[in-house]
Amino acid sequence: MARTAAAFAGGTRLSDHLSVSVIARVYPRETVRAALRSLGRDSRRRRDLPAEVMVYYVIAMALFRTVSAREVLRCLVDGLRWISPDLPVRVSGKSSISRARTRLGAAPFLALRDSCVAPLARPGTPGAWYRGLRLVAFDGSSLNLPDEARNREAFGLPGSSRGSSAFPQARVTAMVELGTHAAFAWHAGPLAESEAEQAERLLGHLSSGMLVLADRYYTGFPLWSRAAATGADLLWRFKGNMKFPVVEALDDGSWRSVIRGSGRDRRRSRGELPVRVVAYRIEGGGEATMLATTLLDHRAAPAAELAALYHERWEIETAYDEVKTHILGPGAALRSKTPDLVFQEIDGLMLAHYAVRCLIHEAAEKAGEDPDRLSFVHAVRVMRRRIINPGAFPPRGPASRRD
């Protein structure tokens, strides 16, 4: 029995057609073209679905989860005509859309991330800094995929108490700026790839002036030493059985120590690094929390402040909730039925989340508010239904945020 393609309730409105303008502000057309040219993915001949259109389509697809692929394209095409009347785009069928996405691949989206995506917070952004250091964290999550044989083989099925899950899943680890919830780097892969392995792939996005928070599942000398080598400062939780010898006891209750490789780690890495250890127990709680940090001066970063600061790491869970609950929908699976398109869709999803976070950050700056106080759900609705002057875009791209 044929299914009726899902459409916009009440029909599309001008604001639906122009929601692409918000995406184009963050990912300007010239930047998209440059990314495609650098990879040889730009359309060399006239097509109904040019490559640059499909880049915007994949990002927009994340924002319009409840409608059909063809309906998303129709909405997008109408919006693109406001931006560039010269674009030769025709609304095509589902198979044509799939072929166009396959030609495009995932690489242009990572190139677009590297060109346009960066931490958003400015020096005055509330909740984004600790004593001049930008607060960031990384953590992992998983996304449900369509139950297709190729997805099961490429990504794997998570285990459960009754065997295996109904859906294959992809593992995603993201680097998030805590004050703005903006994910500025991410890596996706199969479930067999550990979160620590994925986190290691993100270390190139760290730099001096950052303070990186991480949970105890990422600890170990190899990852610690490579993260510290980026110039970023670290504040990571370690497992309670980790031994940190007391080199010097400090007035605030912390102590200077060293971190060394042990067991398998010792064969992979040599030497030792100085650390400062903060151990505490939450009143009424059970297990003690043990933190290690590269901030060695207890006067510049008191133990009580670091203990309170570590719990800001949970802001990354809010960012994942925004992606998985408010953009995708609770328990929803991605649309893509092949591994290559899964990677592409995940990148488009993360780029869409970043675009929403840019909108929130801009609004918070104008209102003098903490970005945490503005509703992500409302911002997504604005992205979907925004009416703006069609002659007003595309304005400046993200280069101005890097100044």
Protein backbone atom coordinates (compact mmCIF):
# COMPACT_ATOMS: atom_id res chain seq x y z
CA MET A 1 0.00 0.00 0.00
CA ALA A 2 1.51 3.34 -1.06
CA ARG A 3 2.16 5.85 1.67
CA THR A 4 1.24 9.51 1.41
CA ALA A 5 4.30 11.75 1.56
CA ALA A 6 4.33 13.88 4.69
CA ALA A 7 3.85 17.58 4.00
CA PHE A 8 3.82 20.81 5.99
CA ALA A 9 0.67 21.18 8.09
CA GLY A 10 -1.51 23.87 6.56
CA GLY A 11 0.81 24.15 3.55
CA THR A 12 4.10 25.99 3.30
CA ARG A 13 4.41 29.67 4.09
CA LEU A 14 6.85 32.32 2.97
CA SER A 15 8.77 31.82 6.20
CA ASP A 16 9.34 28.15 5.32
CA HIS A 17 10.80 29.16 1.97
CA LEU A 18 13.10 31.70 3.58
CA SER A 19 14.32 29.59 6.50
CA VAL A 20 17.23 28.65 4.24
CA SER A 21 18.41 32.24 4.57
CA VAL A 22 19.33 31.57 8.20
CA ILE A 23 21.44 28.59 7.08
CA ALA A 24 23.00 30.73 4.31
CA ARG A 25 24.08 33.32 6.89
CA VAL A 26 26.21 30.73 8.67
CA TYR A 27 27.29 28.84 5.53
CA PRO A 28 27.52 31.45 2.74
CA ARG A 29 27.10 30.31 -0.84
CA GLU A 30 30.65 31.31 -1.83
CA THR A 31 32.07 29.23 1.03
CA VAL A 32 29.98 26.25 -0.04
CA ARG A 33 31.20 26.68 -3.62
CA ALA A 34 34.83 26.91 -2.48
CA ALA A 35 34.49 23.72 -0.44
CA LEU A 36 33.01 21.88 -3.41
CA ARG A 37 35.68 23.14 -5.80
CA SER A 38 38.49 22.14 -3.45
CA LEU A 39 37.19 18.56 -3.44
CA GLY A 40 36.22 18.40 -7.12
CA ARG A 41 32.57 17.95 -6.15
CA ASP A 42 31.15 21.05 -7.84
CA SER A 43 28.68 20.40 -10.66
CA ARG A 44 30.58 20.45 -13.96
CA ARG A 45 27.45 20.31 -16.09
CA ARG A 46 23.91 21.56 -15.74
CA ARG A 47 21.93 19.38 -13.36
CA ASP A 48 18.45 19.53 -11.91
CA LEU A 49 20.06 19.23 -8.45
CA PRO A 50 23.40 21.10 -8.41
CA ALA A 51 25.91 20.15 -5.73
CA GLU A 52 25.64 23.44 -3.83
CA VAL A 53 21.87 23.03 -3.60
CA MET A 54 22.31 19.53 -2.17
CA VAL A 55 24.65 20.88 0.53
CA TYR A 56 21.88 23.19 1.74
CA TYR A 57 19.35 20.39 1.30
CA VAL A 58 21.20 17.99 3.62
CA ILE A 59 21.44 20.67 6.33
CA ALA A 60 17.78 21.69 5.91
CA MET A 61 16.73 18.02 6.00
CA ALA A 62 17.77 17.92 9.66
CA LEU A 63 15.46 20.81 10.52
CA PHE A 64 12.39 19.39 8.75
CA ARG A 65 12.29 15.89 10.18
CA THR A 66 8.54 15.38 9.94
CA VAL A 67 8.10 15.95 6.20
CA SER A 68 9.11 13.95 3.15
CA ALA A 69 12.44 14.34 1.37
CA ARG A 70 10.75 15.81 -1.70
CA GLU A 71 8.75 18.30 0.38
CA VAL A 72 11.94 19.49 2.09
CA LEU A 73 13.51 20.00 -1.35
CA ARG A 74 10.48 21.95 -2.59
CA CYS A 75 10.62 24.25 0.43
CA LEU A 76 14.37 24.67 -0.01
CA VAL A 77 14.14 25.42 -3.74
CA ASP A 78 11.59 28.16 -3.17
CA GLY A 79 13.86 29.69 -0.54
CA LEU A 80 16.95 29.45 -2.76
CA ARG A 81 15.16 31.29 -5.53
CA TRP A 82 15.01 34.30 -3.24
CA ILE A 83 18.77 34.07 -2.72
CA SER A 84 19.90 33.16 -6.24
CA PRO A 85 17.29 33.31 -9.03
CA ASP A 86 19.96 31.97 -11.41
CA LEU A 87 20.14 28.56 -9.74
CA PRO A 88 18.74 25.97 -12.20
CA VAL A 89 16.93 23.78 -9.70
CA ARG A 90 13.99 21.48 -10.33
CA VAL A 91 12.08 19.61 -7.63
CA SER A 92 12.94 15.98 -8.31
CA GLY A 93 11.78 12.63 -7.04
CA LYS A 94 13.14 10.66 -4.12
CA SER A 95 15.49 8.52 -6.25
CA SER A 96 16.98 11.59 -7.93
CA ILE A 97 17.58 13.18 -4.53
CA SER A 98 19.32 10.02 -3.31
CA ARG A 99 21.57 9.89 -6.38
CA ALA A 100 22.47 13.56 -5.99
CA ARG A 101 23.36 13.02 -2.34
CA THR A 102 25.47 10.00 -3.25
CA ARG A 103 27.41 12.02 -5.84
CA LEU A 104 28.03 14.69 -3.23
CA GLY A 105 29.33 12.41 -0.45
CA ALA A 106 30.27 13.51 3.07
CA ALA A 107 33.60 15.28 2.48
CA PRO A 108 32.12 18.72 1.55
CA PHE A 109 30.35 18.93 4.91
CA LEU A 110 33.53 18.38 6.88
CA ALA A 111 35.23 20.99 4.67
CA LEU A 112 32.34 23.35 5.43
CA ARG A 113 32.71 22.64 9.15
CA ASP A 114 36.41 23.44 9.02
CA SER A 115 35.71 26.72 7.15
CA CYS A 116 32.68 28.00 9.05
CA VAL A 117 32.38 26.32 12.44
CA ALA A 118 34.24 27.77 15.42
CA PRO A 119 33.54 28.49 19.10
CA LEU A 120 31.03 31.33 19.39
CA ALA A 121 31.60 32.89 22.80
CA ARG A 122 33.05 36.37 23.03
CA PRO A 123 34.90 37.61 26.13
CA GLY A 124 31.68 38.86 27.72
CA THR A 125 29.53 35.78 27.03
CA PRO A 126 28.13 34.57 30.40
CA GLY A 127 29.03 31.03 31.46
CA ALA A 128 31.59 30.50 28.71
CA TRP A 129 34.82 31.27 30.60
CA TYR A 130 36.80 30.41 33.69
CA ARG A 131 39.43 33.01 34.59
CA GLY A 132 39.97 33.84 30.93
CA LEU A 133 39.91 30.23 29.68
CA ARG A 134 37.24 29.12 27.22
CA LEU A 135 35.28 26.16 28.65
CA VAL A 136 34.91 23.19 26.30
CA ALA A 137 34.18 19.50 26.79
CA PHE A 138 33.92 16.35 24.74
CA ASP A 139 31.63 13.39 25.19
CA GLY A 140 30.00 10.68 23.10
CA SER A 141 26.50 9.56 22.22
CA SER A 142 24.79 7.32 19.67
CA LEU A 143 22.22 7.81 16.91
CA ASN A 144 19.69 5.27 15.63
CA LEU A 145 19.96 4.34 11.96
CA PRO A 146 17.50 2.72 9.52
CA ASP A 147 17.53 -1.06 9.86
CA GLU A 148 19.29 -1.81 6.59
CA ALA A 149 21.79 -4.64 6.05
CA ARG A 150 24.55 -2.25 4.96
CA ASN A 151 24.04 -0.07 8.04
CA ARG A 152 24.08 -3.10 10.34
CA GLU A 153 27.32 -4.34 8.78
CA ALA A 154 29.07 -0.95 8.78
CA PHE A 155 27.98 0.37 12.21
CA GLY A 156 26.84 -2.59 14.28
CA LEU A 157 23.97 -3.25 16.68
CA PRO A 158 24.17 -2.25 20.35
CA GLY A 159 23.83 -5.06 22.85
CA SER A 160 20.87 -5.35 25.20
CA SER A 161 19.71 -7.61 28.00
CA ARG A 162 17.67 -9.61 25.46
CA GLY A 163 20.21 -9.87 22.66
CA SER A 164 20.69 -6.92 20.34
CA SER A 165 18.84 -3.70 19.62
CA ALA A 166 16.35 -3.35 16.79
CA PHE A 167 18.30 -0.52 15.15
CA PRO A 168 21.94 -0.24 14.14
CA GLN A 169 23.62 2.78 15.69
CA ALA A 170 26.43 5.18 14.90
CA ARG A 171 28.68 6.48 17.66
CA VAL A 172 29.30 10.24 17.66
CA THR A 173 31.76 12.18 19.81
CA ALA A 174 31.56 15.97 19.80
CA MET A 175 33.63 18.85 21.13
CA VAL A 176 31.25 21.43 22.60
CA GLU A 177 31.72 24.98 23.86
CA LEU A 178 29.90 24.80 27.19
CA GLY A 179 28.73 28.40 27.45
CA THR A 180 26.95 28.38 24.07
CA HIS A 181 26.30 24.62 23.57
CA ALA A 182 27.89 24.99 20.12
CA ALA A 183 29.52 21.79 18.84
CA PHE A 184 32.57 22.98 16.90
CA ALA A 185 34.04 19.56 16.09
CA TRP A 186 32.71 16.01 15.89
CA HIS A 187 33.56 12.55 14.65
CA ALA A 188 31.17 9.73 13.75
CA GLY A 189 31.93 6.05 13.36
CA PRO A 190 30.78 2.50 14.14
CA LEU A 191 29.94 1.32 17.63
CA ALA A 192 33.17 -0.70 17.67
CA GLU A 193 35.07 2.61 17.72
CA SER A 194 35.43 3.71 21.34
CA GLU A 195 34.67 7.22 22.55
CA ALA A 196 38.32 7.61 23.54
CA GLU A 197 39.43 6.75 19.99
CA GLN A 198 36.98 9.27 18.60
CA ALA A 199 38.03 11.93 21.10
CA GLU A 200 41.65 11.51 19.99
CA ARG A 201 40.59 12.44 16.45
CA LEU A 202 39.26 15.75 17.77
CA LEU A 203 42.39 16.92 19.55
CA GLY A 204 43.47 19.02 16.57
CA HIS A 205 40.57 21.36 17.33
CA LEU A 206 41.97 22.24 20.77
CA SER A 207 44.26 25.20 21.33
CA SER A 208 45.79 27.31 24.07
CA GLY A 209 43.28 29.47 25.92
CA MET A 210 40.84 26.55 26.32
CA LEU A 211 40.04 24.56 29.45
CA VAL A 212 38.87 21.07 28.48
CA LEU A 213 36.56 19.08 30.77
CA ALA A 214 36.19 15.32 30.33
CA ASP A 215 34.71 12.37 32.19
CA ARG A 216 36.63 9.42 33.62
CA TYR A 217 35.96 7.23 30.57
CA TYR A 218 38.56 9.24 28.64
CA THR A 219 41.40 9.08 31.13
CA GLY A 220 44.77 7.54 30.43
CA PHE A 221 48.28 8.82 29.89
CA PRO A 222 48.34 8.64 26.05
CA LEU A 223 45.19 10.71 25.54
CA TRP A 224 46.07 13.09 28.40
CA SER A 225 49.57 13.75 27.06
CA ARG A 226 48.37 14.35 23.51
CA ALA A 227 45.59 16.66 24.68
CA ALA A 228 48.01 18.62 26.89
CA ALA A 229 50.43 18.94 23.95
CA THR A 230 47.83 21.05 22.09
CA GLY A 231 48.41 23.89 24.59
CA ALA A 232 44.91 23.60 26.06
CA ASP A 233 44.50 23.21 29.82
CA LEU A 234 42.76 20.10 31.12
CA LEU A 235 40.38 19.30 33.98
CA TRP A 236 39.46 15.62 33.77
CA ARG A 237 37.88 13.22 36.18
CA PHE A 238 39.83 10.02 36.89
CA LYS A 239 38.67 6.70 38.27
CA GLY A 240 38.86 6.40 42.03
CA ASN A 241 41.48 3.64 41.92
CA MET A 242 43.98 5.81 40.03
CA LYS A 243 47.13 6.36 42.10
CA PHE A 244 48.45 9.93 42.21
CA PRO A 245 51.50 10.20 44.51
CA VAL A 246 51.66 13.30 46.70
CA VAL A 247 54.60 15.38 45.47
CA GLU A 248 53.51 18.53 47.31
CA ALA A 249 50.45 19.12 49.51
CA LEU A 250 48.80 22.50 48.92
CA ASP A 251 46.88 24.85 51.21
CA ASP A 252 43.52 24.39 49.42
CA GLY A 253 43.48 20.61 49.97
CA SER A 254 44.75 19.70 46.50
CA TRP A 255 48.19 18.27 45.83
CA ARG A 256 50.77 18.31 43.08
CA SER A 257 51.49 14.94 41.56
CA VAL A 258 52.47 13.25 38.28
CA ILE A 259 50.63 11.14 35.75
CA ARG A 260 52.48 8.22 34.21
CA GLY A 261 51.69 5.48 31.74
CA SER A 262 50.91 2.12 33.27
CA GLY A 263 50.48 -1.39 31.84
CA ARG A 264 49.70 -1.13 28.13
CA ASP A 265 49.95 2.66 28.35
CA ARG A 266 53.58 2.45 29.47
CA ARG A 267 54.53 0.65 26.25
CA ARG A 268 52.71 3.25 24.13
CA SER A 269 54.01 6.36 25.93
CA ARG A 270 57.13 7.31 27.83
CA GLY A 271 57.82 9.79 30.59
CA GLU A 272 55.52 11.52 33.03
CA LEU A 273 53.69 14.83 33.25
CA PRO A 274 53.05 17.09 36.26
CA VAL A 275 49.42 17.41 37.37
CA ARG A 276 47.48 18.80 40.27
CA VAL A 277 44.85 16.61 41.92
CA VAL A 278 41.58 17.70 43.51
CA ALA A 279 39.61 15.04 45.41
CA TYR A 280 36.23 15.67 47.02
CA ARG A 281 32.99 14.01 47.98
CA ILE A 282 29.58 15.60 47.46
CA GLU A 283 27.69 15.86 50.75
CA GLY A 284 25.27 12.95 51.02
CA GLY A 285 26.95 11.25 48.05
CA GLY A 286 28.86 8.00 47.88
CA GLU A 287 31.91 7.71 45.66
CA ALA A 288 34.60 10.38 45.88
CA THR A 289 35.37 12.43 42.79
CA MET A 290 39.00 12.71 41.73
CA LEU A 291 40.03 15.43 39.27
CA ALA A 292 43.41 16.01 37.65
CA THR A 293 44.31 19.31 36.04
CA THR A 294 47.16 21.04 34.27
CA LEU A 295 46.34 24.20 36.29
CA LEU A 296 49.15 23.73 38.80
CA ASP A 297 48.87 27.04 40.70
CA HIS A 298 46.31 26.58 43.48
CA ARG A 299 46.15 30.34 44.05
CA ALA A 300 45.16 31.02 40.42
CA ALA A 301 42.66 28.12 40.33
CA PRO A 302 41.50 27.13 43.85
CA ALA A 303 40.35 23.55 44.42
CA ALA A 304 36.82 24.58 45.47
CA GLU A 305 36.36 26.48 42.20
CA LEU A 306 37.58 23.55 40.11
CA ALA A 307 35.31 21.12 41.94
CA ALA A 308 32.30 23.32 41.21
CA LEU A 309 33.46 23.99 37.66
CA TYR A 310 33.78 20.33 36.72
CA HIS A 311 30.04 19.84 36.98
CA GLU A 312 29.56 22.33 34.14
CA ARG A 313 30.59 19.40 31.95
CA TRP A 314 26.98 18.25 32.05
CA GLU A 315 26.10 21.12 29.71
CA ILE A 316 27.29 18.86 26.90
CA GLU A 317 24.41 16.50 27.71
CA THR A 318 22.05 19.40 27.06
CA ALA A 319 23.65 19.91 23.65
CA TYR A 320 23.12 16.24 22.77
CA ASP A 321 19.53 16.47 23.98
CA GLU A 322 18.99 19.41 21.62
CA VAL A 323 20.23 17.32 18.70
CA LYS A 324 18.50 14.04 19.57
CA THR A 325 15.24 15.25 21.08
CA HIS A 326 14.45 18.69 19.68
CA ILE A 327 15.84 18.33 16.15
CA LEU A 328 15.57 14.60 15.43
CA GLY A 329 12.77 13.77 17.84
CA PRO A 330 12.79 11.30 20.75
CA GLY A 331 14.07 7.89 19.61
CA ALA A 332 13.94 8.86 15.94
CA ALA A 333 16.26 7.22 13.44
CA LEU A 334 18.13 9.01 10.69
CA ARG A 335 16.77 8.73 7.14
CA SER A 336 19.84 7.43 5.30
CA LYS A 337 19.93 3.80 4.23
CA THR A 338 23.61 3.51 3.23
CA PRO A 339 26.73 4.14 5.34
CA ASP A 340 28.07 6.94 3.11
CA LEU A 341 24.80 8.84 3.36
CA VAL A 342 24.64 8.19 7.13
CA PHE A 343 27.95 10.02 7.58
CA GLN A 344 26.68 12.82 5.35
CA GLU A 345 23.41 13.12 7.27
CA ILE A 346 25.19 13.21 10.64
CA ASP A 347 27.41 16.05 9.41
CA GLY A 348 24.34 17.89 8.09
CA LEU A 349 22.59 17.37 11.44
CA MET A 350 25.53 18.80 13.39
CA LEU A 351 25.83 21.74 10.99
CA ALA A 352 22.11 22.43 11.44
CA HIS A 353 22.49 22.38 15.23
CA TYR A 354 25.39 24.81 14.97
CA ALA A 355 23.30 27.15 12.79
CA VAL A 356 20.56 27.19 15.44
CA ARG A 357 23.15 27.87 18.12
CA CYS A 358 24.49 30.79 16.06
CA LEU A 359 20.98 32.23 15.92
CA ILE A 360 20.61 31.88 19.71
CA HIS A 361 24.04 33.39 20.39
CA GLU A 362 23.26 36.38 18.17
CA ALA A 363 19.92 36.94 19.92
CA ALA A 364 21.51 36.56 23.37
CA GLU A 365 24.21 39.13 22.54
CA LYS A 366 21.64 41.66 21.37
CA ALA A 367 19.52 41.14 24.47
CA GLY A 368 22.47 40.99 26.88
CA GLU A 369 21.33 37.54 28.05
CA ASP A 370 23.06 34.27 28.87
CA PRO A 371 22.58 31.94 25.84
CA ASP A 372 21.38 29.25 28.29
CA ARG A 373 18.34 31.40 29.09
CA LEU A 374 17.04 31.40 25.51
CA SER A 375 14.89 28.49 24.36
CA PHE A 376 16.47 26.11 21.87
CA VAL A 377 13.04 24.77 20.93
CA HIS A 378 11.86 28.27 20.09
CA ALA A 379 14.99 28.89 18.01
CA VAL A 380 14.36 25.74 15.98
CA ARG A 381 10.82 26.94 15.31
CA VAL A 382 12.20 30.30 14.22
CA MET A 383 14.56 28.53 11.84
CA ARG A 384 11.62 26.65 10.39
CA ARG A 385 9.16 29.53 10.21
CA ARG A 386 11.16 32.74 10.06
CA ILE A 387 9.90 35.61 7.89
CA ILE A 388 12.64 38.05 6.96
CA ASN A 389 13.28 40.60 4.24
CA PRO A 390 14.29 38.50 1.21
CA GLY A 391 16.68 41.19 0.06
CA ALA A 392 18.64 41.17 3.29
CA PHE A 393 20.74 38.08 2.80
CA PRO A 394 23.23 36.54 2.55
CA PRO A 395 25.08 38.88 4.95
CA ARG A 396 28.57 38.36 6.26
CA GLY A 397 29.61 34.80 7.00
CA PRO A 398 31.23 33.41 10.12
CA ALA A 399 34.59 35.08 9.51
CA SER A 400 33.45 37.99 11.68
CA ARG A 401 33.10 35.64 14.67
CA ARG A 402 36.78 34.72 14.51
CA ASP A 403 38.02 38.30 14.94
